[in-house]
Amino acid sequence: MPKLKTNIEKLFYPIGEVAQMYGVNISLIRFWENEFDILKPKKNKKGNRMFTKTDLGNLDVIFHLVKERGFTLDGAKKKLKENKKDTIDNISIIKKLKEIRTFLVDLREEL
């Protein structure tokens, strides 16, 4: 996933940072918010969207299904309704495997 690695742990992330993490436009994040029930960012007094870690996890799932696996929006919604837990488990496995692969490639280059 194109999510950027950050060392800073925040409670809330503004929509601009979230869009940058995923390499998409802010308007796409807003669109996904309207389309997917699992995405519910908090809004501050000004009305700015503030995303939590849970929201980012849900965005990981949506991004994976729509952008990486090529699901349509209706297909992604159906997949999340049918077996959200299996989808999340598969995404976490893929994420770990990518981290292991990166580690092994870096290790090979050092040798």
N, C-alpha and C. Protein backbone atom coordinates (compact mmCIF):
# COMPACT_ATOMS: atom_id res chain seq x y z
N MET A 1 0.83 -1.17 0.00
CA MET A 1 0.00 0.00 0.00
C MET A 1 0.88 1.24 0.00
N PRO A 2 0.42 2.27 -0.61
CA PRO A 2 1.27 3.45 -0.71
C PRO A 2 1.28 4.31 0.53
N LYS A 3 0.73 3.82 1.62
CA LYS A 3 0.70 4.62 2.84
C LYS A 3 2.13 4.93 3.29
N LEU A 4 2.39 6.18 3.60
CA LEU A 4 3.72 6.61 4.02
C LEU A 4 4.00 6.17 5.45
N LYS A 5 5.25 5.87 5.71
CA LYS A 5 5.67 5.52 7.06
C LYS A 5 5.92 6.80 7.84
N THR A 6 5.31 6.91 8.99
CA THR A 6 5.55 8.07 9.84
C THR A 6 5.90 7.58 11.23
N ASN A 7 6.81 8.29 11.88
CA ASN A 7 7.21 7.93 13.23
C ASN A 7 6.33 8.61 14.27
N ILE A 8 5.60 9.62 13.87
CA ILE A 8 4.77 10.37 14.79
C ILE A 8 3.41 9.70 14.91
N GLU A 9 3.03 9.42 16.13
CA GLU A 9 1.71 8.83 16.38
C GLU A 9 0.76 9.94 16.77
N LYS A 10 -0.28 10.11 15.99
CA LYS A 10 -1.26 11.14 16.25
C LYS A 10 -2.58 10.51 16.63
N LEU A 11 -3.42 11.28 17.30
CA LEU A 11 -4.78 10.84 17.58
C LEU A 11 -5.68 11.10 16.39
N PHE A 12 -5.47 12.23 15.72
CA PHE A 12 -6.30 12.60 14.58
C PHE A 12 -5.43 13.06 13.43
N TYR A 13 -5.85 12.71 12.22
CA TYR A 13 -5.16 13.09 11.01
C TYR A 13 -6.11 13.91 10.14
N PRO A 14 -5.67 15.10 9.68
CA PRO A 14 -6.54 15.88 8.79
C PRO A 14 -6.65 15.22 7.41
N ILE A 15 -7.71 15.55 6.69
CA ILE A 15 -7.99 14.88 5.42
C ILE A 15 -6.87 15.08 4.40
N GLY A 16 -6.18 16.22 4.45
CA GLY A 16 -5.07 16.46 3.53
C GLY A 16 -3.93 15.47 3.73
N GLU A 17 -3.59 15.21 4.99
CA GLU A 17 -2.54 14.23 5.29
C GLU A 17 -2.96 12.83 4.88
N VAL A 18 -4.22 12.50 5.13
CA VAL A 18 -4.73 11.17 4.78
C VAL A 18 -4.66 10.97 3.27
N ALA A 19 -5.09 11.96 2.52
CA ALA A 19 -5.04 11.87 1.06
C ALA A 19 -3.60 11.71 0.58
N GLN A 20 -2.68 12.41 1.21
CA GLN A 20 -1.27 12.30 0.85
C GLN A 20 -0.72 10.91 1.18
N MET A 21 -1.13 10.35 2.31
CA MET A 21 -0.68 9.01 2.70
C MET A 21 -1.02 7.97 1.65
N TYR A 22 -2.21 8.10 1.06
CA TYR A 22 -2.69 7.12 0.10
C TYR A 22 -2.42 7.52 -1.34
N GLY A 23 -1.91 8.72 -1.55
CA GLY A 23 -1.60 9.17 -2.89
C GLY A 23 -2.84 9.41 -3.74
N VAL A 24 -3.91 9.90 -3.12
CA VAL A 24 -5.16 10.18 -3.83
C VAL A 24 -5.59 11.61 -3.55
N ASN A 25 -6.59 12.07 -4.27
CA ASN A 25 -7.13 13.40 -4.06
C ASN A 25 -8.01 13.44 -2.82
N ILE A 26 -8.12 14.62 -2.22
CA ILE A 26 -9.00 14.82 -1.07
C ILE A 26 -10.44 14.51 -1.44
N SER A 27 -10.82 14.86 -2.66
CA SER A 27 -12.19 14.62 -3.09
C SER A 27 -12.53 13.13 -3.12
N LEU A 28 -11.54 12.28 -3.41
CA LEU A 28 -11.79 10.83 -3.41
C LEU A 28 -12.04 10.34 -1.99
N ILE A 29 -11.30 10.85 -1.03
CA ILE A 29 -11.53 10.47 0.38
C ILE A 29 -12.94 10.89 0.79
N ARG A 30 -13.36 12.10 0.44
CA ARG A 30 -14.72 12.55 0.76
C ARG A 30 -15.76 11.67 0.08
N PHE A 31 -15.51 11.31 -1.16
CA PHE A 31 -16.43 10.45 -1.90
C PHE A 31 -16.56 9.09 -1.23
N TRP A 32 -15.42 8.50 -0.84
CA TRP A 32 -15.47 7.21 -0.15
C TRP A 32 -16.21 7.32 1.18
N GLU A 33 -16.07 8.45 1.85
CA GLU A 33 -16.79 8.66 3.11
C GLU A 33 -18.30 8.57 2.89
N ASN A 34 -18.77 9.14 1.77
CA ASN A 34 -20.20 9.09 1.47
C ASN A 34 -20.65 7.70 1.00
N GLU A 35 -19.76 6.97 0.37
CA GLU A 35 -20.13 5.68 -0.21
C GLU A 35 -20.05 4.51 0.78
N PHE A 36 -19.10 4.54 1.70
CA PHE A 36 -18.87 3.41 2.59
C PHE A 36 -19.30 3.76 4.02
N ASP A 37 -20.13 2.90 4.59
CA ASP A 37 -20.65 3.11 5.94
C ASP A 37 -19.57 2.97 7.02
N ILE A 38 -18.52 2.21 6.74
CA ILE A 38 -17.51 1.97 7.77
C ILE A 38 -16.59 3.17 7.98
N LEU A 39 -16.64 4.13 7.09
CA LEU A 39 -15.77 5.30 7.17
C LEU A 39 -16.53 6.47 7.77
N LYS A 40 -16.23 6.78 9.03
CA LYS A 40 -16.92 7.85 9.76
C LYS A 40 -15.92 8.73 10.48
N PRO A 41 -15.26 9.67 9.77
CA PRO A 41 -14.31 10.55 10.46
C PRO A 41 -15.05 11.55 11.34
N LYS A 42 -14.37 11.98 12.38
CA LYS A 42 -14.92 13.02 13.25
C LYS A 42 -14.79 14.36 12.55
N LYS A 43 -15.63 15.30 12.93
CA LYS A 43 -15.52 16.66 12.39
C LYS A 43 -15.35 17.62 13.55
N ASN A 44 -14.42 18.57 13.39
CA ASN A 44 -14.21 19.55 14.45
C ASN A 44 -15.24 20.67 14.32
N LYS A 45 -15.11 21.70 15.14
CA LYS A 45 -16.09 22.79 15.15
C LYS A 45 -16.17 23.51 13.80
N LYS A 46 -15.07 23.54 13.08
CA LYS A 46 -15.05 24.18 11.77
C LYS A 46 -15.63 23.28 10.68
N GLY A 47 -15.82 22.02 10.99
CA GLY A 47 -16.34 21.08 10.00
C GLY A 47 -15.26 20.31 9.27
N ASN A 48 -14.00 20.47 9.69
CA ASN A 48 -12.90 19.75 9.07
C ASN A 48 -12.92 18.29 9.50
N ARG A 49 -12.70 17.40 8.57
CA ARG A 49 -12.68 15.96 8.87
C ARG A 49 -11.38 15.60 9.57
N MET A 50 -11.48 14.85 10.65
CA MET A 50 -10.31 14.40 11.39
C MET A 50 -10.40 12.88 11.52
N PHE A 51 -9.44 12.17 10.94
CA PHE A 51 -9.45 10.72 10.87
C PHE A 51 -8.67 10.11 12.02
N THR A 52 -9.21 9.03 12.60
CA THR A 52 -8.55 8.31 13.68
C THR A 52 -7.82 7.10 13.10
N LYS A 53 -7.10 6.38 13.94
CA LYS A 53 -6.43 5.15 13.51
C LYS A 53 -7.44 4.14 12.96
N THR A 54 -8.61 4.06 13.58
CA THR A 54 -9.65 3.15 13.10
C THR A 54 -10.08 3.54 11.69
N ASP A 55 -10.25 4.83 11.47
CA ASP A 55 -10.62 5.31 10.14
C ASP A 55 -9.54 4.96 9.12
N LEU A 56 -8.28 5.11 9.51
CA LEU A 56 -7.18 4.77 8.60
C LEU A 56 -7.18 3.27 8.28
N GLY A 57 -7.49 2.45 9.28
CA GLY A 57 -7.60 1.01 9.03
C GLY A 57 -8.71 0.69 8.05
N ASN A 58 -9.85 1.37 8.20
CA ASN A 58 -10.95 1.18 7.26
C ASN A 58 -10.58 1.69 5.87
N LEU A 59 -9.83 2.77 5.81
CA LEU A 59 -9.37 3.27 4.51
C LEU A 59 -8.39 2.30 3.86
N ASP A 60 -7.57 1.63 4.67
CA ASP A 60 -6.68 0.59 4.14
C ASP A 60 -7.49 -0.47 3.40
N VAL A 61 -8.58 -0.89 4.03
CA VAL A 61 -9.43 -1.93 3.44
C VAL A 61 -10.06 -1.42 2.14
N ILE A 62 -10.62 -0.23 2.18
CA ILE A 62 -11.27 0.34 1.00
C ILE A 62 -10.26 0.54 -0.12
N PHE A 63 -9.10 1.10 0.20
CA PHE A 63 -8.06 1.34 -0.79
C PHE A 63 -7.61 0.03 -1.42
N HIS A 64 -7.40 -0.99 -0.59
CA HIS A 64 -6.96 -2.29 -1.09
C HIS A 64 -7.98 -2.88 -2.06
N LEU A 65 -9.24 -2.85 -1.68
CA LEU A 65 -10.26 -3.45 -2.53
C LEU A 65 -10.44 -2.67 -3.84
N VAL A 66 -10.52 -1.35 -3.74
CA VAL A 66 -10.85 -0.55 -4.92
C VAL A 66 -9.63 -0.30 -5.81
N LYS A 67 -8.55 0.14 -5.22
CA LYS A 67 -7.38 0.54 -6.02
C LYS A 67 -6.44 -0.62 -6.34
N GLU A 68 -6.20 -1.50 -5.39
CA GLU A 68 -5.22 -2.56 -5.62
C GLU A 68 -5.83 -3.80 -6.26
N ARG A 69 -7.02 -4.16 -5.84
CA ARG A 69 -7.65 -5.37 -6.38
C ARG A 69 -8.62 -5.07 -7.51
N GLY A 70 -8.96 -3.80 -7.72
CA GLY A 70 -9.78 -3.41 -8.85
C GLY A 70 -11.27 -3.66 -8.70
N PHE A 71 -11.76 -3.74 -7.47
CA PHE A 71 -13.19 -3.92 -7.25
C PHE A 71 -13.93 -2.66 -7.66
N THR A 72 -15.16 -2.83 -8.11
CA THR A 72 -16.04 -1.67 -8.28
C THR A 72 -16.50 -1.24 -6.90
N LEU A 73 -17.09 -0.06 -6.79
CA LEU A 73 -17.58 0.39 -5.48
C LEU A 73 -18.65 -0.55 -4.96
N ASP A 74 -19.56 -0.98 -5.83
CA ASP A 74 -20.60 -1.92 -5.39
C ASP A 74 -20.00 -3.26 -4.98
N GLY A 75 -18.99 -3.71 -5.72
CA GLY A 75 -18.33 -4.96 -5.38
C GLY A 75 -17.60 -4.87 -4.05
N ALA A 76 -16.95 -3.74 -3.80
CA ALA A 76 -16.24 -3.54 -2.54
C ALA A 76 -17.22 -3.49 -1.37
N LYS A 77 -18.35 -2.81 -1.56
CA LYS A 77 -19.37 -2.74 -0.50
C LYS A 77 -19.90 -4.13 -0.19
N LYS A 78 -20.16 -4.90 -1.23
CA LYS A 78 -20.68 -6.27 -1.06
C LYS A 78 -19.66 -7.14 -0.33
N LYS A 79 -18.41 -7.02 -0.72
CA LYS A 79 -17.34 -7.81 -0.08
C LYS A 79 -17.23 -7.46 1.40
N LEU A 80 -17.34 -6.17 1.74
CA LEU A 80 -17.25 -5.76 3.14
C LEU A 80 -18.46 -6.24 3.94
N LYS A 81 -19.63 -6.27 3.33
CA LYS A 81 -20.82 -6.75 4.04
C LYS A 81 -20.78 -8.25 4.25
N GLU A 82 -20.27 -8.99 3.25
CA GLU A 82 -20.25 -10.45 3.34
C GLU A 82 -19.26 -10.96 4.37
N ASN A 83 -18.02 -10.51 4.27
CA ASN A 83 -17.00 -11.03 5.19
C ASN A 83 -15.91 -10.00 5.43
N LYS A 84 -16.22 -8.99 6.21
CA LYS A 84 -15.28 -7.92 6.51
C LYS A 84 -14.06 -8.45 7.24
N LYS A 85 -14.27 -9.36 8.19
CA LYS A 85 -13.15 -9.88 8.98
C LYS A 85 -12.13 -10.60 8.11
N ASP A 86 -12.60 -11.46 7.19
CA ASP A 86 -11.67 -12.17 6.31
C ASP A 86 -10.90 -11.20 5.42
N THR A 87 -11.57 -10.17 4.94
CA THR A 87 -10.92 -9.18 4.10
C THR A 87 -9.83 -8.46 4.87
N ILE A 88 -10.13 -8.05 6.10
CA ILE A 88 -9.14 -7.36 6.94
C ILE A 88 -7.97 -8.28 7.25
N ASP A 89 -8.26 -9.55 7.54
CA ASP A 89 -7.20 -10.51 7.82
C ASP A 89 -6.29 -10.68 6.60
N ASN A 90 -6.88 -10.79 5.42
CA ASN A 90 -6.08 -10.94 4.20
C ASN A 90 -5.21 -9.71 3.95
N ILE A 91 -5.74 -8.55 4.19
CA ILE A 91 -4.97 -7.33 3.99
C ILE A 91 -3.80 -7.26 4.95
N SER A 92 -4.02 -7.65 6.22
CA SER A 92 -2.92 -7.61 7.18
C SER A 92 -1.85 -8.64 6.82
N ILE A 93 -2.25 -9.79 6.28
CA ILE A 93 -1.27 -10.80 5.85
C ILE A 93 -0.45 -10.25 4.68
N ILE A 94 -1.12 -9.64 3.72
CA ILE A 94 -0.42 -9.07 2.56
C ILE A 94 0.56 -7.99 3.00
N LYS A 95 0.13 -7.17 3.94
CA LYS A 95 0.98 -6.09 4.46
C LYS A 95 2.24 -6.66 5.12
N LYS A 96 2.08 -7.69 5.94
CA LYS A 96 3.23 -8.31 6.61
C LYS A 96 4.17 -8.95 5.60
N LEU A 97 3.60 -9.63 4.58
CA LEU A 97 4.44 -10.25 3.57
C LEU A 97 5.25 -9.22 2.79
N LYS A 98 4.64 -8.07 2.50
CA LYS A 98 5.37 -7.01 1.81
C LYS A 98 6.51 -6.47 2.67
N GLU A 99 6.26 -6.34 3.99
CA GLU A 99 7.31 -5.89 4.89
C GLU A 99 8.46 -6.89 4.94
N ILE A 100 8.13 -8.17 4.99
CA ILE A 100 9.17 -9.22 5.02
C ILE A 100 9.97 -9.20 3.72
N ARG A 101 9.27 -9.05 2.59
CA ARG A 101 9.95 -9.01 1.30
C ARG A 101 10.91 -7.81 1.24
N THR A 102 10.45 -6.66 1.69
CA THR A 102 11.31 -5.47 1.69
C THR A 102 12.54 -5.70 2.55
N PHE A 103 12.34 -6.30 3.71
CA PHE A 103 13.45 -6.60 4.61
C PHE A 103 14.45 -7.54 3.93
N LEU A 104 13.95 -8.59 3.29
CA LEU A 104 14.83 -9.56 2.65
C LEU A 104 15.57 -8.95 1.46
N VAL A 105 14.92 -8.10 0.69
CA VAL A 105 15.58 -7.44 -0.44
C VAL A 105 16.68 -6.52 0.08
N ASP A 106 16.38 -5.77 1.14
CA ASP A 106 17.40 -4.89 1.74
C ASP A 106 18.57 -5.70 2.27
N LEU A 107 18.28 -6.83 2.88
CA LEU A 107 19.31 -7.70 3.43
C LEU A 107 20.20 -8.24 2.32
N ARG A 108 19.58 -8.65 1.21
CA ARG A 108 20.34 -9.19 0.07
C ARG A 108 21.25 -8.12 -0.53
N GLU A 109 20.78 -6.89 -0.57
CA GLU A 109 21.59 -5.82 -1.13
C GLU A 109 22.79 -5.49 -0.25
N GLU A 110 22.64 -5.69 1.05
CA GLU A 110 23.76 -5.43 1.97
C GLU A 110 24.85 -6.49 1.87
N LEU A 111 24.50 -7.68 1.41
CA LEU A 111 25.49 -8.77 1.35
C LEU A 111 26.40 -8.65 0.15
